């Protein structure tokens, strides 16, 4: 299983599945990250947190902990 946290800068990937429960999963979905959507990794902060991605045409910063709950295509 590959997660969004493992995707390299400059790569585009497709979301396969969201892990997590309740409010955490709902928050990720509310940000526009749902099954089947393409996600482009733009930047990663110097210490690795947060990760800046482009999803559905807008920029979004997400925490490493949240990125680990997003399973992506290999």
PDB file of N, CA and C in Angstrom:
ATOM      1  N   UNK A   1       0.845  -1.190   0.000  1.00  0.00           N
ATOM      2  CA  UNK A   1       0.000   0.000   0.000  1.00  0.00           C
ATOM      3  C   UNK A   1       0.882   1.242   0.000  1.00  0.00           C
ATOM      4  N   UNK A   2       0.689   2.117  -0.974  1.00  0.00           N
ATOM      5  CA  UNK A   2       1.424   3.375  -1.067  1.00  0.00           C
ATOM      6  C   UNK A   2       0.519   4.507  -0.609  1.00  0.00           C
ATOM      7  N   UNK A   3       1.042   5.400   0.218  1.00  0.00           N
ATOM      8  CA  UNK A   3       0.247   6.523   0.710  1.00  0.00           C
ATOM      9  C   UNK A   3       0.692   7.826   0.046  1.00  0.00           C
ATOM     10  N   UNK A   4      -0.117   8.848   0.202  1.00  0.00           N
ATOM     11  CA  UNK A   4       0.196  10.162  -0.372  1.00  0.00           C
ATOM     12  C   UNK A   4       1.500  10.714   0.194  1.00  0.00           C
ATOM     13  N   UNK A   5       1.832  10.366   1.405  1.00  0.00           N
ATOM     14  CA  UNK A   5       3.072  10.851   2.020  1.00  0.00           C
ATOM     15  C   UNK A   5       4.305  10.341   1.282  1.00  0.00           C
ATOM     16  N   UNK A   6       4.215   9.191   0.633  1.00  0.00           N
ATOM     17  CA  UNK A   6       5.355   8.582  -0.054  1.00  0.00           C
ATOM     18  C   UNK A   6       5.535   9.078  -1.486  1.00  0.00           C
ATOM     19  N   UNK A   7       4.587   9.847  -1.995  1.00  0.00           N
ATOM     20  CA  UNK A   7       4.675  10.351  -3.369  1.00  0.00           C
ATOM     21  C   UNK A   7       5.729  11.446  -3.428  1.00  0.00           C
ATOM     22  N   UNK A   8       6.558  11.406  -4.471  1.00  0.00           N
ATOM     23  CA  UNK A   8       7.647  12.376  -4.634  1.00  0.00           C
ATOM     24  C   UNK A   8       7.122  13.713  -5.161  1.00  0.00           C
ATOM     25  N   UNK A   9       7.885  14.765  -4.911  1.00  0.00           N
ATOM     26  CA  UNK A   9       7.540  16.103  -5.403  1.00  0.00           C
ATOM     27  C   UNK A   9       7.522  16.082  -6.928  1.00  0.00           C
ATOM     28  N   UNK A  10       6.487  16.686  -7.512  1.00  0.00           N
ATOM     29  CA  UNK A  10       6.359  16.757  -8.958  1.00  0.00           C
ATOM     30  C   UNK A  10       5.589  15.600  -9.578  1.00  0.00           C
ATOM     31  N   UNK A  11       5.169  14.625  -8.779  1.00  0.00           N
ATOM     32  CA  UNK A  11       4.420  13.488  -9.305  1.00  0.00           C
ATOM     33  C   UNK A  11       2.922  13.692  -9.137  1.00  0.00           C
ATOM     34  N   UNK A  12       2.162  13.098 -10.056  1.00  0.00           N
ATOM     35  CA  UNK A  12       0.707  13.085  -9.967  1.00  0.00           C
ATOM     36  C   UNK A  12       0.272  11.653  -9.728  1.00  0.00           C
ATOM     37  N   UNK A  13      -0.693  11.466  -8.852  1.00  0.00           N
ATOM     38  CA  UNK A  13      -1.181  10.133  -8.534  1.00  0.00           C
ATOM     39  C   UNK A  13      -2.695  10.164  -8.374  1.00  0.00           C
ATOM     40  N   UNK A  14      -3.304   8.999  -8.322  1.00  0.00           N
ATOM     41  CA  UNK A  14      -4.752   8.889  -8.192  1.00  0.00           C
ATOM     42  C   UNK A  14      -5.090   8.272  -6.835  1.00  0.00           C
ATOM     43  N   UNK A  15      -6.074   8.838  -6.156  1.00  0.00           N
ATOM     44  CA  UNK A  15      -6.502   8.326  -4.859  1.00  0.00           C
ATOM     45  C   UNK A  15      -7.259   7.010  -5.063  1.00  0.00           C
ATOM     46  N   UNK A  16      -6.855   5.981  -4.305  1.00  0.00           N
ATOM     47  CA  UNK A  16      -7.490   4.671  -4.394  1.00  0.00           C
ATOM     48  C   UNK A  16      -8.489   4.476  -3.258  1.00  0.00           C
ATOM     49  N   UNK A  17      -8.098   4.888  -2.037  1.00  0.00           N
ATOM     50  CA  UNK A  17      -8.947   4.658  -0.871  1.00  0.00           C
ATOM     51  C   UNK A  17      -8.568   5.612   0.250  1.00  0.00           C
ATOM     52  N   UNK A  18      -9.559   5.996   1.047  1.00  0.00           N
ATOM     53  CA  UNK A  18      -9.314   6.806   2.238  1.00  0.00           C
ATOM     54  C   UNK A  18      -9.443   5.912   3.472  1.00  0.00           C
ATOM     55  N   UNK A  19      -8.435   5.960   4.317  1.00  0.00           N
ATOM     56  CA  UNK A  19      -8.488   5.223   5.570  1.00  0.00           C
ATOM     57  C   UNK A  19      -8.833   6.210   6.675  1.00  0.00           C
ATOM     58  N   UNK A  20      -9.080   5.732   7.859  1.00  0.00           N
ATOM     59  CA  UNK A  20      -9.446   6.630   8.957  1.00  0.00           C
ATOM     60  C   UNK A  20     -10.921   6.493   9.282  1.00  0.00           C
ATOM     61  N   UNK A  21     -11.305   7.119  10.364  1.00  0.00           N
ATOM     62  CA  UNK A  21     -12.667   6.980  10.860  1.00  0.00           C
ATOM     63  C   UNK A  21     -13.319   8.345  11.081  1.00  0.00           C
ATOM     64  N   UNK A  22     -14.616   8.371  10.964  1.00  0.00           N
ATOM     65  CA  UNK A  22     -15.451   9.503  11.371  1.00  0.00           C
ATOM     66  C   UNK A  22     -15.016  10.864  10.907  1.00  0.00           C
ATOM     67  N   UNK A  23     -14.763  11.745  11.872  1.00  0.00           N
ATOM     68  CA  UNK A  23     -14.492  13.153  11.600  1.00  0.00           C
ATOM     69  C   UNK A  23     -13.235  13.360  10.772  1.00  0.00           C
ATOM     70  N   UNK A  24     -12.219  12.538  10.989  1.00  0.00           N
ATOM     71  CA  UNK A  24     -10.964  12.687  10.235  1.00  0.00           C
ATOM     72  C   UNK A  24     -11.197  12.388   8.758  1.00  0.00           C
ATOM     73  N   UNK A  25     -11.876  11.297   8.473  1.00  0.00           N
ATOM     74  CA  UNK A  25     -12.171  10.922   7.092  1.00  0.00           C
ATOM     75  C   UNK A  25     -13.078  11.966   6.437  1.00  0.00           C
ATOM     76  N   UNK A  26     -14.057  12.458   7.158  1.00  0.00           N
ATOM     77  CA  UNK A  26     -14.972  13.477   6.646  1.00  0.00           C
ATOM     78  C   UNK A  26     -14.217  14.757   6.305  1.00  0.00           C
ATOM     79  N   UNK A  27     -13.252  15.157   7.154  1.00  0.00           N
ATOM     80  CA  UNK A  27     -12.478  16.379   6.911  1.00  0.00           C
ATOM     81  C   UNK A  27     -11.658  16.254   5.629  1.00  0.00           C
ATOM     82  N   UNK A  28     -11.047  15.087   5.418  1.00  0.00           N
ATOM     83  CA  UNK A  28     -10.266  14.859   4.202  1.00  0.00           C
ATOM     84  C   UNK A  28     -11.184  14.930   2.979  1.00  0.00           C
ATOM     85  N   UNK A  29     -12.345  14.316   3.070  1.00  0.00           N
ATOM     86  CA  UNK A  29     -13.293  14.349   1.950  1.00  0.00           C
ATOM     87  C   UNK A  29     -13.810  15.765   1.699  1.00  0.00           C
ATOM     88  N   UNK A  30     -14.016  16.536   2.750  1.00  0.00           N
ATOM     89  CA  UNK A  30     -14.478  17.922   2.607  1.00  0.00           C
ATOM     90  C   UNK A  30     -13.443  18.796   1.901  1.00  0.00           C
ATOM     91  N   UNK A  31     -12.166  18.419   1.985  1.00  0.00           N
ATOM     92  CA  UNK A  31     -11.106  19.157   1.304  1.00  0.00           C
ATOM     93  C   UNK A  31     -11.068  18.831  -0.191  1.00  0.00           C
ATOM     94  N   UNK A  32     -11.884  17.874  -0.630  1.00  0.00           N
ATOM     95  CA  UNK A  32     -11.936  17.528  -2.047  1.00  0.00           C
ATOM     96  C   UNK A  32     -11.153  16.285  -2.406  1.00  0.00           C
ATOM     97  N   UNK A  33     -10.563  15.637  -1.417  1.00  0.00           N
ATOM     98  CA  UNK A  33      -9.793  14.423  -1.687  1.00  0.00           C
ATOM     99  C   UNK A  33     -10.722  13.226  -1.515  1.00  0.00           C
ATOM    100  N   UNK A  34     -11.153  12.689  -2.659  1.00  0.00           N
ATOM    101  CA  UNK A  34     -12.065  11.551  -2.662  1.00  0.00           C
ATOM    102  C   UNK A  34     -11.504  10.475  -3.586  1.00  0.00           C
ATOM    103  N   UNK A  35     -12.083   9.295  -3.550  1.00  0.00           N
ATOM    104  CA  UNK A  35     -11.636   8.170  -4.375  1.00  0.00           C
ATOM    105  C   UNK A  35     -11.694   8.539  -5.852  1.00  0.00           C
ATOM    106  N   UNK A  36     -10.608   8.266  -6.566  1.00  0.00           N
ATOM    107  CA  UNK A  36     -10.557   8.493  -8.003  1.00  0.00           C
ATOM    108  C   UNK A  36     -10.025   9.841  -8.441  1.00  0.00           C
ATOM    109  N   UNK A  37      -9.821  10.770  -7.525  1.00  0.00           N
ATOM    110  CA  UNK A  37      -9.355  12.110  -7.896  1.00  0.00           C
ATOM    111  C   UNK A  37      -7.827  12.105  -8.074  1.00  0.00           C
ATOM    112  N   UNK A  38      -7.334  12.927  -9.021  1.00  0.00           N
ATOM    113  CA  UNK A  38      -5.893  13.062  -9.232  1.00  0.00           C
ATOM    114  C   UNK A  38      -5.333  14.092  -8.261  1.00  0.00           C
ATOM    115  N   UNK A  39      -4.156  13.779  -7.703  1.00  0.00           N
ATOM    116  CA  UNK A  39      -3.489  14.661  -6.745  1.00  0.00           C
ATOM    117  C   UNK A  39      -2.054  14.881  -7.224  1.00  0.00           C
ATOM    118  N   UNK A  40      -1.653  16.143  -7.346  1.00  0.00           N
ATOM    119  CA  UNK A  40      -0.295  16.512  -7.757  1.00  0.00           C
ATOM    120  C   UNK A  40       0.438  17.058  -6.530  1.00  0.00           C
ATOM    121  N   UNK A  41       1.600  16.490  -6.220  1.00  0.00           N
ATOM    122  CA  UNK A  41       2.381  16.937  -5.061  1.00  0.00           C
ATOM    123  C   UNK A  41       3.280  18.088  -5.508  1.00  0.00           C
ATOM    124  N   UNK A  42       3.016  19.291  -4.977  1.00  0.00           N
ATOM    125  CA  UNK A  42       3.755  20.495  -5.362  1.00  0.00           C
ATOM    126  C   UNK A  42       5.008  20.700  -4.538  1.00  0.00           C
ATOM    127  N   UNK A  43       4.862  20.676  -3.203  1.00  0.00           N
ATOM    128  CA  UNK A  43       5.994  20.967  -2.316  1.00  0.00           C
ATOM    129  C   UNK A  43       5.855  20.167  -1.032  1.00  0.00           C
ATOM    130  N   UNK A  44       6.986  20.002  -0.366  1.00  0.00           N
ATOM    131  CA  UNK A  44       6.996  19.430   0.978  1.00  0.00           C
ATOM    132  C   UNK A  44       7.835  20.379   1.828  1.00  0.00           C
ATOM    133  N   UNK A  45       7.319  20.758   2.978  1.00  0.00           N
ATOM    134  CA  UNK A  45       8.031  21.679   3.871  1.00  0.00           C
ATOM    135  C   UNK A  45       9.378  21.071   4.292  1.00  0.00           C
ATOM    136  N   UNK A  46      10.349  21.898   4.684  1.00  0.00           N
ATOM    137  CA  UNK A  46      11.683  21.403   5.029  1.00  0.00           C
ATOM    138  C   UNK A  46      11.698  20.252   6.041  1.00  0.00           C
ATOM    139  N   UNK A  47      10.844  20.282   7.004  1.00  0.00           N
ATOM    140  CA  UNK A  47      10.811  19.200   7.991  1.00  0.00           C
ATOM    141  C   UNK A  47       9.784  18.129   7.631  1.00  0.00           C
ATOM    142  N   UNK A  48       9.206  18.242   6.434  1.00  0.00           N
ATOM    143  CA  UNK A  48       8.291  17.221   5.947  1.00  0.00           C
ATOM    144  C   UNK A  48       6.827  17.436   6.286  1.00  0.00           C
ATOM    145  N   UNK A  49       6.515  18.478   7.014  1.00  0.00           N
ATOM    146  CA  UNK A  49       5.131  18.712   7.424  1.00  0.00           C
ATOM    147  C   UNK A  49       4.828  20.199   7.340  1.00  0.00           C
ATOM    148  N   UNK A  50       3.879  20.677   6.598  1.00  0.00           N
ATOM    149  CA  UNK A  50       2.869  19.957   5.811  1.00  0.00           C
ATOM    150  C   UNK A  50       3.335  19.665   4.386  1.00  0.00           C
ATOM    151  N   UNK A  51       2.472  18.980   3.644  1.00  0.00           N
ATOM    152  CA  UNK A  51       2.685  18.658   2.238  1.00  0.00           C
ATOM    153  C   UNK A  51       1.703  19.511   1.439  1.00  0.00           C
ATOM    154  N   UNK A  52       2.212  20.208   0.417  1.00  0.00           N
ATOM    155  CA  UNK A  52       1.336  21.037  -0.413  1.00  0.00           C
ATOM    156  C   UNK A  52       1.002  20.285  -1.693  1.00  0.00           C
ATOM    157  N   UNK A  53      -0.289  20.138  -1.971  1.00  0.00           N
ATOM    158  CA  UNK A  53      -0.750  19.398  -3.144  1.00  0.00           C
ATOM    159  C   UNK A  53      -1.735  20.255  -3.944  1.00  0.00           C
ATOM    160  N   UNK A  54      -1.921  19.882  -5.200  1.00  0.00           N
ATOM    161  CA  UNK A  54      -2.958  20.490  -6.034  1.00  0.00           C
ATOM    162  C   UNK A  54      -4.005  19.415  -6.287  1.00  0.00           C
ATOM    163  N   UNK A  55      -5.240  19.721  -5.933  1.00  0.00           N
ATOM    164  CA  UNK A  55      -6.338  18.781  -6.121  1.00  0.00           C
ATOM    165  C   UNK A  55      -7.553  19.564  -6.610  1.00  0.00           C
ATOM    166  N   UNK A  56      -8.181  19.075  -7.669  1.00  0.00           N
ATOM    167  CA  UNK A  56      -9.358  19.713  -8.267  1.00  0.00           C
ATOM    168  C   UNK A  56      -9.120  21.181  -8.623  1.00  0.00           C
ATOM    169  N   UNK A  57      -7.883  21.515  -9.021  1.00  0.00           N
ATOM    170  CA  UNK A  57      -7.575  22.862  -9.484  1.00  0.00           C
ATOM    171  C   UNK A  57      -7.212  23.868  -8.413  1.00  0.00           C
ATOM    172  N   UNK A  58      -7.076  23.451  -7.163  1.00  0.00           N
ATOM    173  CA  UNK A  58      -6.657  24.398  -6.129  1.00  0.00           C
ATOM    174  C   UNK A  58      -5.572  23.795  -5.243  1.00  0.00           C
ATOM    175  N   UNK A  59      -4.802  24.685  -4.610  1.00  0.00           N
ATOM    176  CA  UNK A  59      -3.704  24.259  -3.749  1.00  0.00           C
ATOM    177  C   UNK A  59      -4.231  23.958  -2.353  1.00  0.00           C
ATOM    178  N   UNK A  60      -3.642  22.947  -1.746  1.00  0.00           N
ATOM    179  CA  UNK A  60      -4.088  22.488  -0.445  1.00  0.00           C
ATOM    180  C   UNK A  60      -2.872  22.016   0.344  1.00  0.00           C
ATOM    181  N   UNK A  61      -2.792  22.366   1.609  1.00  0.00           N
ATOM    182  CA  UNK A  61      -1.729  21.870   2.480  1.00  0.00           C
ATOM    183  C   UNK A  61      -2.335  20.886   3.464  1.00  0.00           C
ATOM    184  N   UNK A  62      -1.719  19.708   3.546  1.00  0.00           N
ATOM    185  CA  UNK A  62      -2.220  18.695   4.469  1.00  0.00           C
ATOM    186  C   UNK A  62      -1.088  18.174   5.339  1.00  0.00           C
ATOM    187  N   UNK A  63      -1.449  17.741   6.530  1.00  0.00           N
ATOM    188  CA  UNK A  63      -0.473  17.207   7.472  1.00  0.00           C
ATOM    189  C   UNK A  63       0.002  15.822   7.049  1.00  0.00           C
ATOM    190  N   UNK A  64       1.202  15.469   7.507  1.00  0.00           N
ATOM    191  CA  UNK A  64       1.732  14.132   7.213  1.00  0.00           C
ATOM    192  C   UNK A  64       0.796  13.056   7.731  1.00  0.00           C
ATOM    193  N   UNK A  65       0.246  13.255   8.912  1.00  0.00           N
ATOM    194  CA  UNK A  65      -0.651  12.260   9.509  1.00  0.00           C
ATOM    195  C   UNK A  65      -1.873  12.026   8.627  1.00  0.00           C
ATOM    196  N   UNK A  66      -2.402  13.105   8.035  1.00  0.00           N
ATOM    197  CA  UNK A  66      -3.548  12.968   7.136  1.00  0.00           C
ATOM    198  C   UNK A  66      -3.129  12.319   5.816  1.00  0.00           C
ATOM    199  N   UNK A  67      -1.934  12.675   5.316  1.00  0.00           N
ATOM    200  CA  UNK A  67      -1.438  12.107   4.061  1.00  0.00           C
ATOM    201  C   UNK A  67      -1.242  10.601   4.171  1.00  0.00           C
ATOM    202  N   UNK A  68      -0.911  10.121   5.351  1.00  0.00           N
ATOM    203  CA  UNK A  68      -0.708   8.682   5.559  1.00  0.00           C
ATOM    204  C   UNK A  68      -2.029   7.912   5.492  1.00  0.00           C
ATOM    205  N   UNK A  69      -3.159   8.591   5.641  1.00  0.00           N
ATOM    206  CA  UNK A  69      -4.473   7.937   5.580  1.00  0.00           C
ATOM    207  C   UNK A  69      -5.013   7.864   4.154  1.00  0.00           C
ATOM    208  N   UNK A  70      -4.301   8.461   3.202  1.00  0.00           N
ATOM    209  CA  UNK A  70      -4.757   8.495   1.816  1.00  0.00           C
ATOM    210  C   UNK A  70      -3.957   7.494   0.992  1.00  0.00           C
ATOM    211  N   UNK A  71      -4.598   6.397   0.614  1.00  0.00           N
ATOM    212  CA  UNK A  71      -3.950   5.372  -0.205  1.00  0.00           C
ATOM    213  C   UNK A  71      -4.025   5.800  -1.671  1.00  0.00           C
ATOM    214  N   UNK A  72      -2.876   5.703  -2.372  1.00  0.00           N
ATOM    215  CA  UNK A  72      -2.808   6.129  -3.769  1.00  0.00           C
ATOM    216  C   UNK A  72      -2.348   4.968  -4.652  1.00  0.00           C
ATOM    217  N   UNK A  73      -2.519   5.145  -5.974  1.00  0.00           N
ATOM    218  CA  UNK A  73      -2.098   4.128  -6.939  1.00  0.00           C
ATOM    219  C   UNK A  73      -0.577   4.026  -6.939  1.00  0.00           C
ATOM    220  N   UNK A  74      -0.082   2.828  -7.144  1.00  0.00           N
ATOM    221  CA  UNK A  74       1.370   2.587  -7.169  1.00  0.00           C
ATOM    222  C   UNK A  74       1.981   3.079  -8.467  1.00  0.00           C
TER     223      UNK A  74
END
